[in-house]
Amino acid sequence: MLASLLWKLSRHKRGPSKWLRNQAEVYIDLFNDFDYDFHKNGESVVIQRLSFGPGSTLFDVGANVGDWSAMAAAAFPGATIHAFELSQRTRAVLTNRLSAACHVIPACALGPSNGELQYKDYGDESTINTLVESTYHDGRSSFTHRVANIVTGDDYMAAHGIERIDLLKIDVEGFEYPVLEGFRNALEQGRISVIQFEYGYANGDAGHLMKDFYTLLEKSGYVIGKIWTAGVLFSPFKYPMNNFDSGPNYLAVRHTDTALIESLRSRE
């Protein structure tokens, strides 16, 4: 009976029907923890459930002004955090903020190959700077083309004598998959314990779906799951995950790290 009533109401595309549709979309986003606030989307829960001691190595790829790096530094005293930022201007802010000895701020960004790449610099809206040329941001913001020095993750690790990364966090406005491609050797050799990556519309602009992330990471021995405020819901790939509203963040953990998987797993 309720389904019949809702069907009849849905025949009208304005007034109460449109209002109900809009409220339903808001509720679904809230239910799915779709938010970019660390404390509302589960990122802080992941940090709380991880345990990294002195000597651990964390990568913050797409660090912007360092909010995530600061949170991680507070949670893991003695860990070394390599904070990568595309924009030279934003990197200066990052450097001033993260002055502690535990932070390394390279003058490069990470990608699938070494060299220089053109990116879009959105100025004060630095959170949406991107190496993806066709992004939905263009309709609401102006940008300047700039050039950044790009290094693969594998080569960066080799150059700095890094044998293992305990946590690799990637938030690079659609360029997440190419960054992972630059870590192919480390992934295949199991030298990255935990990977957090963002997934949204910009990944579609870059031509990468969630299925691509699953294919790459599962081949290297990872299990993947969406991050919720209740923990991580590890699961096999399902086609609805290709929906760009399914994120915003996912976590990948080596399938052999069963104790870590259980500690991170959603409690609901």
C-alpha atoms as a PDB file:
ATOM      1  CA  MET A   1       0.000   0.000   0.000  1.00  0.00           C
ATOM      2  CA  LEU A   2       2.817   2.413   0.894  1.00  0.00           C
ATOM      3  CA  ALA A   3       4.652   1.534  -2.316  1.00  0.00           C
ATOM      4  CA  SER A   4       1.519   2.252  -4.321  1.00  0.00           C
ATOM      5  CA  LEU A   5       1.052   5.629  -2.607  1.00  0.00           C
ATOM      6  CA  LEU A   6       4.690   6.594  -3.226  1.00  0.00           C
ATOM      7  CA  TRP A   7       4.419   5.536  -6.857  1.00  0.00           C
ATOM      8  CA  LYS A   8       1.416   7.777  -7.365  1.00  0.00           C
ATOM      9  CA  LEU A   9       3.147  10.674  -5.628  1.00  0.00           C
ATOM     10  CA  SER A  10       6.237  10.172  -7.783  1.00  0.00           C
ATOM     11  CA  ARG A  11       4.186  10.741 -10.957  1.00  0.00           C
ATOM     12  CA  HIS A  12       4.333  14.449 -10.157  1.00  0.00           C
ATOM     13  CA  LYS A  13       7.740  16.084 -10.623  1.00  0.00           C
ATOM     14  CA  ARG A  14       7.072  19.281  -8.722  1.00  0.00           C
ATOM     15  CA  GLY A  15       5.749  20.421  -5.361  1.00  0.00           C
ATOM     16  CA  PRO A  16       5.650  17.828  -2.513  1.00  0.00           C
ATOM     17  CA  SER A  17       7.023  15.094  -4.783  1.00  0.00           C
ATOM     18  CA  LYS A  18      10.156  17.089  -5.668  1.00  0.00           C
ATOM     19  CA  TRP A  19      10.610  18.143  -2.026  1.00  0.00           C
ATOM     20  CA  LEU A  20      10.412  14.512  -0.892  1.00  0.00           C
ATOM     21  CA  ARG A  21      12.949  13.491  -3.539  1.00  0.00           C
ATOM     22  CA  ASN A  22      15.377  16.194  -2.387  1.00  0.00           C
ATOM     23  CA  GLN A  23      15.015  15.206   1.268  1.00  0.00           C
ATOM     24  CA  ALA A  24      15.546  11.562   0.366  1.00  0.00           C
ATOM     25  CA  GLU A  25      18.819  12.447  -1.386  1.00  0.00           C
ATOM     26  CA  VAL A  26      19.994  14.356   1.692  1.00  0.00           C
ATOM     27  CA  TYR A  27      19.089  11.402   3.924  1.00  0.00           C
ATOM     28  CA  ILE A  28      20.881   8.911   1.676  1.00  0.00           C
ATOM     29  CA  ASP A  29      24.075  11.010   1.786  1.00  0.00           C
ATOM     30  CA  LEU A  30      23.820  11.192   5.581  1.00  0.00           C
ATOM     31  CA  PHE A  31      23.151   7.448   5.832  1.00  0.00           C
ATOM     32  CA  ASN A  32      26.145   6.712   3.587  1.00  0.00           C
ATOM     33  CA  ASP A  33      28.455   9.004   5.612  1.00  0.00           C
ATOM     34  CA  PHE A  34      29.105  10.922   2.397  1.00  0.00           C
ATOM     35  CA  ASP A  35      31.027  13.864   3.803  1.00  0.00           C
ATOM     36  CA  TYR A  36      34.487  15.373   3.457  1.00  0.00           C
ATOM     37  CA  ASP A  37      34.841  16.107   7.188  1.00  0.00           C
ATOM     38  CA  PHE A  38      37.254  13.627   8.818  1.00  0.00           C
ATOM     39  CA  HIS A  39      34.973  13.309  11.843  1.00  0.00           C
ATOM     40  CA  LYS A  40      31.796  12.686   9.827  1.00  0.00           C
ATOM     41  CA  ASN A  41      32.973  10.277   7.141  1.00  0.00           C
ATOM     42  CA  GLY A  42      34.930   7.731   9.208  1.00  0.00           C
ATOM     43  CA  GLU A  43      38.495   8.822   8.429  1.00  0.00           C
ATOM     44  CA  SER A  44      39.153   9.705  12.063  1.00  0.00           C
ATOM     45  CA  VAL A  45      37.743   6.306  13.108  1.00  0.00           C
ATOM     46  CA  VAL A  46      40.289   4.573  10.865  1.00  0.00           C
ATOM     47  CA  ILE A  47      43.089   6.603  12.463  1.00  0.00           C
ATOM     48  CA  GLN A  48      41.830   5.644  15.943  1.00  0.00           C
ATOM     49  CA  ARG A  49      41.819   1.934  15.112  1.00  0.00           C
ATOM     50  CA  LEU A  50      45.260   1.837  13.532  1.00  0.00           C
ATOM     51  CA  SER A  51      48.357   1.456  15.670  1.00  0.00           C
ATOM     52  CA  PHE A  52      51.662   2.756  14.329  1.00  0.00           C
ATOM     53  CA  GLY A  53      54.650   3.213  16.586  1.00  0.00           C
ATOM     54  CA  PRO A  54      57.851   5.258  16.270  1.00  0.00           C
ATOM     55  CA  GLY A  55      59.650   4.515  13.036  1.00  0.00           C
ATOM     56  CA  SER A  56      56.475   4.010  11.031  1.00  0.00           C
ATOM     57  CA  THR A  57      56.175   5.647   7.606  1.00  0.00           C
ATOM     58  CA  LEU A  58      53.042   7.391   6.367  1.00  0.00           C
ATOM     59  CA  PHE A  59      52.446   9.067   2.997  1.00  0.00           C
ATOM     60  CA  ASP A  60      49.899  11.880   2.668  1.00  0.00           C
ATOM     61  CA  VAL A  61      49.540  12.277  -1.104  1.00  0.00           C
ATOM     62  CA  GLY A  62      47.547  15.422  -1.811  1.00  0.00           C
ATOM     63  CA  ALA A  63      48.223  16.937   1.592  1.00  0.00           C
ATOM     64  CA  ASN A  64      46.929  20.438   0.736  1.00  0.00           C
ATOM     65  CA  VAL A  65      47.454  22.536   3.919  1.00  0.00           C
ATOM     66  CA  GLY A  66      48.081  19.507   6.142  1.00  0.00           C
ATOM     67  CA  ASP A  67      44.875  18.818   8.060  1.00  0.00           C
ATOM     68  CA  TRP A  68      45.129  15.043   7.660  1.00  0.00           C
ATOM     69  CA  SER A  69      48.893  15.032   8.311  1.00  0.00           C
ATOM     70  CA  ALA A  70      48.378  16.976  11.530  1.00  0.00           C
ATOM     71  CA  MET A  71      45.711  14.506  12.676  1.00  0.00           C
ATOM     72  CA  ALA A  72      47.938  11.535  11.844  1.00  0.00           C
ATOM     73  CA  ALA A  73      50.968  13.084  13.567  1.00  0.00           C
ATOM     74  CA  ALA A  74      48.958  13.554  16.759  1.00  0.00           C
ATOM     75  CA  ALA A  75      47.729   9.947  16.625  1.00  0.00           C
ATOM     76  CA  PHE A  76      51.093   8.356  15.826  1.00  0.00           C
ATOM     77  CA  PRO A  77      53.938  10.110  17.704  1.00  0.00           C
ATOM     78  CA  GLY A  78      57.307   9.236  16.247  1.00  0.00           C
ATOM     79  CA  ALA A  79      55.968   8.252  12.815  1.00  0.00           C
ATOM     80  CA  THR A  80      57.484   9.953   9.772  1.00  0.00           C
ATOM     81  CA  ILE A  81      54.924  11.553   7.459  1.00  0.00           C
ATOM     82  CA  HIS A  82      55.820  12.379   3.855  1.00  0.00           C
ATOM     83  CA  ALA A  83      53.322  15.065   2.813  1.00  0.00           C
ATOM     84  CA  PHE A  84      53.089  15.580  -0.963  1.00  0.00           C
ATOM     85  CA  GLU A  85      51.480  18.706  -2.384  1.00  0.00           C
ATOM     86  CA  LEU A  86      51.100  19.620  -6.038  1.00  0.00           C
ATOM     87  CA  SER A  87      50.999  23.422  -5.764  1.00  0.00           C
ATOM     88  CA  GLN A  88      54.162  25.304  -4.835  1.00  0.00           C
ATOM     89  CA  ARG A  89      52.048  28.047  -3.240  1.00  0.00           C
ATOM     90  CA  THR A  90      50.083  25.583  -1.104  1.00  0.00           C
ATOM     91  CA  ARG A  91      53.259  23.671  -0.313  1.00  0.00           C
ATOM     92  CA  ALA A  92      54.670  26.821   1.294  1.00  0.00           C
ATOM     93  CA  VAL A  93      51.645  26.981   3.611  1.00  0.00           C
ATOM     94  CA  LEU A  94      52.041  23.284   4.332  1.00  0.00           C
ATOM     95  CA  THR A  95      55.713  23.715   5.165  1.00  0.00           C
ATOM     96  CA  ASN A  96      55.017  26.553   7.588  1.00  0.00           C
ATOM     97  CA  ARG A  97      52.320  24.526   9.326  1.00  0.00           C
ATOM     98  CA  LEU A  98      54.119  21.189   9.523  1.00  0.00           C
ATOM     99  CA  SER A  99      57.436  22.290  10.935  1.00  0.00           C
ATOM    100  CA  ALA A 100      58.034  19.273  13.175  1.00  0.00           C
ATOM    101  CA  ALA A 101      60.949  16.982  12.399  1.00  0.00           C
ATOM    102  CA  CYS A 102      58.576  14.073  11.729  1.00  0.00           C
ATOM    103  CA  HIS A 103      57.311  15.716   8.536  1.00  0.00           C
ATOM    104  CA  VAL A 104      58.991  15.471   5.139  1.00  0.00           C
ATOM    105  CA  ILE A 105      57.580  17.792   2.455  1.00  0.00           C
ATOM    106  CA  PRO A 106      59.037  16.912  -0.966  1.00  0.00           C
ATOM    107  CA  ALA A 107      59.166  19.419  -3.819  1.00  0.00           C
ATOM    108  CA  CYS A 108      57.281  17.027  -6.079  1.00  0.00           C
ATOM    109  CA  ALA A 109      53.983  15.232  -6.522  1.00  0.00           C
ATOM    110  CA  LEU A 110      53.393  11.535  -7.228  1.00  0.00           C
ATOM    111  CA  GLY A 111      52.115   9.962 -10.432  1.00  0.00           C
ATOM    112  CA  PRO A 112      52.431   7.061 -12.889  1.00  0.00           C
ATOM    113  CA  SER A 113      55.743   8.193 -14.423  1.00  0.00           C
ATOM    114  CA  ASN A 114      58.595  10.633 -13.875  1.00  0.00           C
ATOM    115  CA  GLY A 115      58.638  14.053 -15.508  1.00  0.00           C
ATOM    116  CA  GLU A 116      56.624  17.256 -15.618  1.00  0.00           C
ATOM    117  CA  LEU A 117      52.847  17.408 -15.927  1.00  0.00           C
ATOM    118  CA  GLN A 118      50.487  20.332 -16.382  1.00  0.00           C
ATOM    119  CA  TYR A 119      47.839  20.754 -13.721  1.00  0.00           C
ATOM    120  CA  LYS A 120      44.964  23.074 -12.923  1.00  0.00           C
ATOM    121  CA  ASP A 121      45.653  25.468 -10.058  1.00  0.00           C
ATOM    122  CA  TYR A 122      42.456  26.920  -8.589  1.00  0.00           C
ATOM    123  CA  GLY A 123      44.232  29.461  -6.403  1.00  0.00           C
ATOM    124  CA  ASP A 124      42.504  29.964  -3.047  1.00  0.00           C
ATOM    125  CA  GLU A 125      40.377  26.869  -3.714  1.00  0.00           C
ATOM    126  CA  SER A 126      43.467  24.694  -3.496  1.00  0.00           C
ATOM    127  CA  THR A 127      41.505  21.649  -2.328  1.00  0.00           C
ATOM    128  CA  ILE A 128      40.363  21.103  -5.923  1.00  0.00           C
ATOM    129  CA  ASN A 129      43.730  21.519  -7.673  1.00  0.00           C
ATOM    130  CA  THR A 130      44.044  18.579 -10.045  1.00  0.00           C
ATOM    131  CA  LEU A 131      46.127  16.871 -12.702  1.00  0.00           C
ATOM    132  CA  VAL A 132      42.901  15.745 -14.394  1.00  0.00           C
ATOM    133  CA  GLU A 133      42.283  18.068 -17.334  1.00  0.00           C
ATOM    134  CA  SER A 134      38.515  17.561 -17.687  1.00  0.00           C
ATOM    135  CA  THR A 135      36.910  18.119 -14.301  1.00  0.00           C
ATOM    136  CA  TYR A 136      33.480  19.295 -13.232  1.00  0.00           C
ATOM    137  CA  HIS A 137      35.061  22.088 -11.177  1.00  0.00           C
ATOM    138  CA  ASP A 138      35.521  24.288 -14.238  1.00  0.00           C
ATOM    139  CA  GLY A 139      31.950  25.524 -14.247  1.00  0.00           C
ATOM    140  CA  ARG A 140      32.251  27.198 -10.862  1.00  0.00           C
ATOM    141  CA  SER A 141      35.890  28.167 -10.495  1.00  0.00           C
ATOM    142  CA  SER A 142      38.639  29.764 -12.547  1.00  0.00           C
ATOM    143  CA  PHE A 143      42.057  28.154 -12.750  1.00  0.00           C
ATOM    144  CA  THR A 144      45.585  28.712 -14.032  1.00  0.00           C
ATOM    145  CA  HIS A 145      47.599  26.038 -15.792  1.00  0.00           C
ATOM    146  CA  ARG A 146      50.877  25.344 -13.994  1.00  0.00           C
ATOM    147  CA  VAL A 147      53.515  22.617 -14.222  1.00  0.00           C
ATOM    148  CA  ALA A 148      54.489  20.222 -11.444  1.00  0.00           C
ATOM    149  CA  ASN A 149      57.405  17.823 -11.045  1.00  0.00           C
ATOM    150  CA  ILE A 150      56.070  14.254 -10.904  1.00  0.00           C
ATOM    151  CA  VAL A 151      57.818  11.185  -9.493  1.00  0.00           C
ATOM    152  CA  THR A 152      56.550   7.621  -9.230  1.00  0.00           C
ATOM    153  CA  GLY A 153      55.986   6.259  -5.750  1.00  0.00           C
ATOM    154  CA  ASP A 154      58.362   3.380  -6.454  1.00  0.00           C
ATOM    155  CA  ASP A 155      61.185   5.720  -7.459  1.00  0.00           C
ATOM    156  CA  TYR A 156      60.561   8.021  -4.496  1.00  0.00           C
ATOM    157  CA  MET A 157      60.742   5.072  -2.111  1.00  0.00           C
ATOM    158  CA  ALA A 158      63.989   3.874  -3.710  1.00  0.00           C
ATOM    159  CA  ALA A 159      65.583   7.331  -3.661  1.00  0.00           C
ATOM    160  CA  HIS A 160      64.805   7.788   0.041  1.00  0.00           C
ATOM    161  CA  GLY A 161      65.604   4.266   1.182  1.00  0.00           C
ATOM    162  CA  ILE A 162      61.996   3.530   2.205  1.00  0.00           C
ATOM    163  CA  GLU A 163      61.433  -0.214   2.410  1.00  0.00           C
ATOM    164  CA  ARG A 164      57.843  -0.109   3.611  1.00  0.00           C
ATOM    165  CA  ILE A 165      54.886   2.281   3.859  1.00  0.00           C
ATOM    166  CA  ASP A 166      52.557   1.622   6.782  1.00  0.00           C
ATOM    167  CA  LEU A 167      49.777   3.897   5.535  1.00  0.00           C
ATOM    168  CA  LEU A 168      49.413   5.444   2.086  1.00  0.00           C
ATOM    169  CA  LYS A 169      46.642   8.046   1.973  1.00  0.00           C
ATOM    170  CA  ILE A 170      45.718   9.461  -1.467  1.00  0.00           C
ATOM    171  CA  ASP A 171      43.394  12.421  -2.041  1.00  0.00           C
ATOM    172  CA  VAL A 172      44.304  13.997  -5.379  1.00  0.00           C
ATOM    173  CA  GLU A 173      41.037  15.026  -7.070  1.00  0.00           C
ATOM    174  CA  GLY A 174      40.623  12.213  -9.568  1.00  0.00           C
ATOM    175  CA  PHE A 175      44.296  11.285 -10.006  1.00  0.00           C
ATOM    176  CA  GLU A 176      44.199   8.516  -7.381  1.00  0.00           C
ATOM    177  CA  TYR A 177      44.485   5.610  -9.825  1.00  0.00           C
ATOM    178  CA  PRO A 178      47.530   7.027 -11.682  1.00  0.00           C
ATOM    179  CA  VAL A 179      49.223   7.598  -8.307  1.00  0.00           C
ATOM    180  CA  LEU A 180      48.642   3.932  -7.425  1.00  0.00           C
ATOM    181  CA  GLU A 181      50.067   2.911 -10.801  1.00  0.00           C
ATOM    182  CA  GLY A 182      53.318   4.573  -9.749  1.00  0.00           C
ATOM    183  CA  PHE A 183      53.513   2.146  -6.803  1.00  0.00           C
ATOM    184  CA  ARG A 184      53.156  -1.046  -8.880  1.00  0.00           C
ATOM    185  CA  ASN A 185      56.371  -2.632  -7.588  1.00  0.00           C
ATOM    186  CA  ALA A 186      55.624  -1.796  -3.957  1.00  0.00           C
ATOM    187  CA  LEU A 187      52.064  -3.113  -4.339  1.00  0.00           C
ATOM    188  CA  GLU A 188      53.148  -6.366  -5.960  1.00  0.00           C
ATOM    189  CA  GLN A 189      55.827  -6.890  -3.314  1.00  0.00           C
ATOM    190  CA  GLY A 190      53.420  -6.212  -0.443  1.00  0.00           C
ATOM    191  CA  ARG A 191      55.409  -3.257   0.862  1.00  0.00           C
ATOM    192  CA  ILE A 192      52.388  -1.037   1.553  1.00  0.00           C
ATOM    193  CA  SER A 193      50.288  -2.174   4.503  1.00  0.00           C
ATOM    194  CA  VAL A 194      47.228   0.088   4.324  1.00  0.00           C
ATOM    195  CA  ILE A 195      45.952   2.313   1.501  1.00  0.00           C
ATOM    196  CA  GLN A 196      43.260   4.963   1.838  1.00  0.00           C
ATOM    197  CA  PHE A 197      42.006   6.573  -1.355  1.00  0.00           C
ATOM    198  CA  GLU A 198      39.258   8.984  -2.295  1.00  0.00           C
ATOM    199  CA  TYR A 199      36.698   8.113  -4.970  1.00  0.00           C
ATOM    200  CA  GLY A 200      34.264  10.540  -6.590  1.00  0.00           C
ATOM    201  CA  TYR A 201      33.189  12.344  -9.735  1.00  0.00           C
ATOM    202  CA  ALA A 202      36.712  13.458 -10.657  1.00  0.00           C
ATOM    203  CA  ASN A 203      37.733   9.798 -10.968  1.00  0.00           C
ATOM    204  CA  GLY A 204      35.059   9.472 -13.625  1.00  0.00           C
ATOM    205  CA  ASP A 205      36.467  12.521 -15.404  1.00  0.00           C
ATOM    206  CA  ALA A 206      39.822  10.704 -15.415  1.00  0.00           C
ATOM    207  CA  GLY A 207      38.185   7.553 -16.809  1.00  0.00           C
ATOM    208  CA  HIS A 208      38.553   5.318 -13.758  1.00  0.00           C
ATOM    209  CA  LEU A 209      35.755   3.422 -12.022  1.00  0.00           C
ATOM    210  CA  MET A 210      35.790   1.653  -8.673  1.00  0.00           C
ATOM    211  CA  LYS A 211      36.054  -1.623 -10.587  1.00  0.00           C
ATOM    212  CA  ASP A 212      39.497  -0.481 -11.832  1.00  0.00           C
ATOM    213  CA  PHE A 213      40.686   0.107  -8.265  1.00  0.00           C
ATOM    214  CA  TYR A 214      39.451  -3.332  -7.193  1.00  0.00           C
ATOM    215  CA  THR A 215      41.132  -5.023 -10.162  1.00  0.00           C
ATOM    216  CA  LEU A 216      44.486  -3.349  -9.481  1.00  0.00           C
ATOM    217  CA  LEU A 217      44.481  -3.842  -5.712  1.00  0.00           C
ATOM    218  CA  GLU A 218      42.990  -7.330  -5.483  1.00  0.00           C
ATOM    219  CA  LYS A 219      45.605  -8.558  -7.955  1.00  0.00           C
ATOM    220  CA  SER A 220      48.229  -7.364  -5.477  1.00  0.00           C
ATOM    221  CA  GLY A 221      46.612  -9.141  -2.534  1.00  0.00           C
ATOM    222  CA  TYR A 222      44.427  -6.449  -0.942  1.00  0.00           C
ATOM    223  CA  VAL A 223      40.889  -6.519   0.380  1.00  0.00           C
ATOM    224  CA  ILE A 224      38.953  -3.278  -0.093  1.00  0.00           C
ATOM    225  CA  GLY A 225      36.067  -1.616   1.683  1.00  0.00           C
ATOM    226  CA  LYS A 226      34.241   1.651   2.055  1.00  0.00           C
ATOM    227  CA  ILE A 227      35.036   3.730   5.140  1.00  0.00           C
ATOM    228  CA  TRP A 228      32.037   4.419   7.399  1.00  0.00           C
ATOM    229  CA  THR A 229      31.841   6.090  10.803  1.00  0.00           C
ATOM    230  CA  ALA A 230      31.264   2.582  12.195  1.00  0.00           C
ATOM    231  CA  GLY A 231      34.440   1.272  10.566  1.00  0.00           C
ATOM    232  CA  VAL A 232      35.331  -0.258   7.204  1.00  0.00           C
ATOM    233  CA  LEU A 233      32.827  -2.403   5.313  1.00  0.00           C
ATOM    234  CA  PHE A 234      35.141  -4.801   3.478  1.00  0.00           C
ATOM    235  CA  SER A 235      33.406  -6.506   0.565  1.00  0.00           C
ATOM    236  CA  PRO A 236      33.921  -7.877  -2.942  1.00  0.00           C
ATOM    237  CA  PHE A 237      33.287  -5.476  -5.801  1.00  0.00           C
ATOM    238  CA  LYS A 238      29.651  -4.705  -6.586  1.00  0.00           C
ATOM    239  CA  TYR A 239      28.565  -2.644  -9.585  1.00  0.00           C
ATOM    240  CA  PRO A 240      26.750   0.014  -7.486  1.00  0.00           C
ATOM    241  CA  MET A 241      30.207   0.958  -6.151  1.00  0.00           C
ATOM    242  CA  ASN A 242      30.929   2.508  -9.558  1.00  0.00           C
ATOM    243  CA  ASN A 243      28.421   5.182  -8.564  1.00  0.00           C
ATOM    244  CA  PHE A 244      30.523   8.255  -7.824  1.00  0.00           C
ATOM    245  CA  ASP A 245      28.475   8.888  -4.685  1.00  0.00           C
ATOM    246  CA  SER A 246      29.589   5.579  -3.170  1.00  0.00           C
ATOM    247  CA  GLY A 247      32.625   7.079  -1.379  1.00  0.00           C
ATOM    248  CA  PRO A 248      34.084   9.386  -0.526  1.00  0.00           C
ATOM    249  CA  ASN A 249      36.857   7.172   0.916  1.00  0.00           C
ATOM    250  CA  TYR A 250      37.878   3.535   0.626  1.00  0.00           C
ATOM    251  CA  LEU A 251      40.490   1.478   2.452  1.00  0.00           C
ATOM    252  CA  ALA A 252      42.635  -1.385   1.175  1.00  0.00           C
ATOM    253  CA  VAL A 253      44.498  -3.770   3.505  1.00  0.00           C
ATOM    254  CA  ARG A 254      46.724  -6.757   2.747  1.00  0.00           C
ATOM    255  CA  HIS A 255      44.496  -9.837   2.903  1.00  0.00           C
ATOM    256  CA  THR A 256      47.042 -11.587   5.133  1.00  0.00           C
ATOM    257  CA  ASP A 257      46.706  -8.912   7.857  1.00  0.00           C
ATOM    258  CA  THR A 258      43.640 -10.599   9.344  1.00  0.00           C
ATOM    259  CA  ALA A 259      43.948  -9.046  12.805  1.00  0.00           C
ATOM    260  CA  LEU A 260      44.187  -5.554  11.317  1.00  0.00           C
ATOM    261  CA  ILE A 261      41.195  -6.219   9.064  1.00  0.00           C
ATOM    262  CA  GLU A 262      39.114  -7.290  12.040  1.00  0.00           C
ATOM    263  CA  SER A 263      40.092  -4.236  14.065  1.00  0.00           C
ATOM    264  CA  LEU A 264      39.088  -1.945  11.197  1.00  0.00           C
ATOM    265  CA  ARG A 265      35.921  -3.794  10.218  1.00  0.00           C
ATOM    266  CA  SER A 266      32.567  -2.051  10.639  1.00  0.00           C
ATOM    267  CA  ARG A 267      30.899  -2.806  13.972  1.00  0.00           C
ATOM    268  CA  GLU A 268      27.454  -2.725  12.349  1.00  0.00           C
END
